[in-house]
């Protein structure tokens, strides 16, 4: 009997397979730092908060009661305010997101969204998969907060990709 280095001819050897990893992002792309991504997110939230406050001020000045509403009994104006803020946010940032892959917060932090291979991300990919789907998943009762936490914590992986990045096949790089 001869000894072989390979288990190819051994019928009793466990099966083996070689699994290749997904190709890494090209070397010229410089991933955005976690701090820059957090700063851009906080700036975008601040912009949305300012818009929500403006809607509330308009509601109170028009004499519409419960402009902000209570969590258990939202008024029509509070629902319209939140919807209006989301639409206004998409209108303000939509152009920049589609043309340059940057929201106002990302512009301020000098980062942008691109496809994983470095190419330009389409409007459907950025607005649809990264924003609208993410907002819808976050709005689901009980599961939404858990999803949001997991999405945020994924930034600490080596790839620095959140769940929304995985869904849209995008990365955030320095601009």
Protein backbone atom coordinates (compact mmCIF):
# COMPACT_ATOMS: atom_id res chain seq x y z
CA UNK A 1 0.00 0.00 0.00
CA UNK A 2 1.25 3.41 -0.81
CA UNK A 3 0.69 6.53 1.26
CA UNK A 4 -0.70 9.52 -0.58
CA UNK A 5 -0.75 13.20 0.42
CA UNK A 6 -4.21 13.65 -1.01
CA UNK A 7 -7.48 12.11 0.11
CA UNK A 8 -8.75 12.01 -3.49
CA UNK A 9 -8.39 8.26 -3.74
CA UNK A 10 -9.48 7.43 -0.20
CA UNK A 11 -13.14 6.38 -0.30
CA UNK A 12 -13.40 6.79 3.50
CA UNK A 13 -12.13 10.38 3.66
CA UNK A 14 -14.68 13.07 4.50
CA UNK A 15 -15.78 15.20 1.58
CA UNK A 16 -13.91 18.42 1.14
CA UNK A 17 -14.57 21.53 -0.86
CA UNK A 18 -12.79 24.78 -1.45
CA UNK A 19 -15.00 27.81 -0.92
CA UNK A 20 -13.71 31.05 -2.34
CA UNK A 21 -14.57 34.27 -0.55
CA UNK A 22 -16.39 37.06 -2.31
CA UNK A 23 -13.79 39.20 -4.03
CA UNK A 24 -12.63 42.07 -1.89
CA UNK A 25 -13.42 45.65 -2.79
CA UNK A 26 -10.85 47.12 -5.12
CA UNK A 27 -7.86 48.69 -3.43
CA UNK A 28 -8.46 52.27 -4.58
CA UNK A 29 -11.72 52.61 -2.60
CA UNK A 30 -11.17 54.08 0.83
CA UNK A 31 -13.96 53.04 3.21
CA UNK A 32 -15.51 55.82 5.25
CA UNK A 33 -14.69 55.77 8.93
CA UNK A 34 -17.27 54.84 11.52
CA UNK A 35 -17.09 58.32 13.06
CA UNK A 36 -17.74 60.00 9.71
CA UNK A 37 -20.72 57.74 9.09
CA UNK A 38 -22.10 58.44 12.56
CA UNK A 39 -21.60 62.18 12.08
CA UNK A 40 -23.41 62.12 8.72
CA UNK A 41 -26.27 60.12 10.24
CA UNK A 42 -26.61 62.53 13.16
CA UNK A 43 -26.59 65.54 10.82
CA UNK A 44 -29.32 63.94 8.70
CA UNK A 45 -31.38 63.20 11.84
CA UNK A 46 -30.88 66.82 12.97
CA UNK A 47 -32.20 68.03 9.61
CA UNK A 48 -35.26 65.78 9.97
CA UNK A 49 -35.80 66.97 13.56
CA UNK A 50 -35.69 70.61 12.46
CA UNK A 51 -38.25 69.85 9.74
CA UNK A 52 -40.49 68.07 12.27
CA UNK A 53 -40.30 71.06 14.62
CA UNK A 54 -41.22 73.35 11.72
CA UNK A 55 -44.24 71.17 10.95
CA UNK A 56 -45.25 71.32 14.63
CA UNK A 57 -44.89 75.10 14.71
CA UNK A 58 -47.02 75.39 11.58
CA UNK A 59 -49.61 73.08 13.14
CA UNK A 60 -49.82 75.09 16.35
CA UNK A 61 -49.86 78.43 14.49
CA UNK A 62 -52.77 77.20 12.37
CA UNK A 63 -54.61 76.17 15.52
CA UNK A 64 -54.51 72.46 14.72
CA UNK A 65 -54.61 70.69 18.10
CA UNK A 66 -52.10 67.99 18.92
CA UNK A 67 -49.60 68.90 16.26
CA UNK A 68 -47.17 66.35 17.62
CA UNK A 69 -49.73 64.03 19.17
CA UNK A 70 -49.34 61.30 21.76
CA UNK A 71 -47.90 57.85 21.00
CA UNK A 72 -51.14 56.06 21.90
CA UNK A 73 -53.46 58.46 20.07
CA UNK A 74 -51.74 60.14 17.13
CA UNK A 75 -53.61 63.02 15.58
CA UNK A 76 -54.06 63.38 11.85
CA UNK A 77 -51.66 66.32 11.87
CA UNK A 78 -48.91 64.28 13.58
CA UNK A 79 -49.28 61.53 10.99
CA UNK A 80 -49.19 64.09 8.19
CA UNK A 81 -46.20 65.81 9.84
CA UNK A 82 -44.15 62.64 10.00
CA UNK A 83 -45.13 61.67 6.46
CA UNK A 84 -44.42 65.20 5.27
CA UNK A 85 -40.98 65.19 6.91
CA UNK A 86 -40.08 61.90 5.22
CA UNK A 87 -41.26 63.15 1.82
CA UNK A 88 -39.50 66.50 2.30
CA UNK A 89 -36.34 64.70 3.42
CA UNK A 90 -36.41 62.55 0.29
CA UNK A 91 -37.02 65.60 -1.90
CA UNK A 92 -34.17 67.58 -0.35
CA UNK A 93 -31.68 64.74 -0.22
CA UNK A 94 -33.01 62.72 -3.15
CA UNK A 95 -31.32 64.79 -5.82
CA UNK A 96 -27.95 64.65 -4.04
CA UNK A 97 -28.29 60.95 -3.22
CA UNK A 98 -29.09 60.06 -6.83
CA UNK A 99 -26.49 62.29 -8.49
CA UNK A 100 -23.55 62.02 -6.09
CA UNK A 101 -24.48 59.31 -3.57
CA UNK A 102 -24.50 61.86 -0.76
CA UNK A 103 -27.14 63.18 1.61
CA UNK A 104 -26.56 66.61 3.14
CA UNK A 105 -24.96 64.93 6.16
CA UNK A 106 -22.72 62.80 3.96
CA UNK A 107 -21.72 65.90 1.95
CA UNK A 108 -20.72 67.65 5.18
CA UNK A 109 -18.67 64.63 6.29
CA UNK A 110 -17.11 64.10 2.80
CA UNK A 111 -18.37 60.57 2.32
CA UNK A 112 -20.57 58.98 -0.35
CA UNK A 113 -22.48 55.82 -1.22
CA UNK A 114 -21.25 53.67 -4.12
CA UNK A 115 -21.76 50.12 -5.32
CA UNK A 116 -19.43 47.57 -3.83
CA UNK A 117 -17.32 47.59 -6.97
CA UNK A 118 -16.99 51.39 -6.80
CA UNK A 119 -19.49 52.18 -9.55
CA UNK A 120 -22.34 54.69 -9.22
CA UNK A 121 -25.34 53.38 -7.27
CA UNK A 122 -28.73 53.84 -8.95
CA UNK A 123 -31.67 55.77 -7.50
CA UNK A 124 -33.64 52.59 -6.82
CA UNK A 125 -30.72 51.05 -5.00
CA UNK A 126 -30.02 54.10 -2.82
CA UNK A 127 -33.50 55.50 -2.21
CA UNK A 128 -35.42 52.23 -2.41
CA UNK A 129 -33.19 49.63 -0.81
CA UNK A 130 -31.11 51.77 1.55
CA UNK A 131 -33.72 54.26 2.74
CA UNK A 132 -37.34 53.23 2.12
CA UNK A 133 -36.88 49.52 2.90
CA UNK A 134 -34.79 50.43 5.94
CA UNK A 135 -37.46 52.86 7.21
CA UNK A 136 -40.21 50.29 6.63
CA UNK A 137 -38.33 47.57 8.51
CA UNK A 138 -37.55 50.00 11.35
CA UNK A 139 -41.25 50.93 11.64
CA UNK A 140 -42.43 47.36 12.31
CA UNK A 141 -43.63 47.08 15.89
CA UNK A 142 -41.35 45.01 18.19
CA UNK A 143 -39.07 43.83 15.36
CA UNK A 144 -38.23 47.36 14.16
CA UNK A 145 -36.14 48.42 17.16
CA UNK A 146 -34.29 45.09 17.10
CA UNK A 147 -33.62 45.48 13.38
CA UNK A 148 -32.42 49.06 13.88
CA UNK A 149 -30.01 47.97 16.62
CA UNK A 150 -28.60 45.11 14.54
CA UNK A 151 -28.31 47.46 11.53
CA UNK A 152 -26.35 49.99 13.59
CA UNK A 153 -24.10 47.41 15.26
CA UNK A 154 -23.09 45.87 11.94
CA UNK A 155 -20.92 48.95 11.34
CA UNK A 156 -18.38 47.39 13.72
CA UNK A 157 -17.70 44.50 11.37
CA UNK A 158 -14.47 44.56 9.41
CA UNK A 159 -16.37 45.41 6.20
CA UNK A 160 -18.06 48.42 7.93
CA UNK A 161 -21.30 47.53 6.12
CA UNK A 162 -24.68 47.90 7.81
CA UNK A 163 -27.66 45.71 6.97
CA UNK A 164 -28.92 48.43 4.60
CA UNK A 165 -25.57 48.28 2.79
CA UNK A 166 -25.96 44.53 2.44
CA UNK A 167 -29.53 44.90 1.13
CA UNK A 168 -28.52 47.47 -1.47
CA UNK A 169 -25.07 45.99 -2.24
CA UNK A 170 -23.41 49.33 -1.45
CA UNK A 171 -20.53 50.66 0.59
CA UNK A 172 -19.79 54.09 2.01
CA UNK A 173 -16.45 55.56 0.98
CA UNK A 174 -14.58 58.80 1.46
CA UNK A 175 -15.53 61.29 -1.23
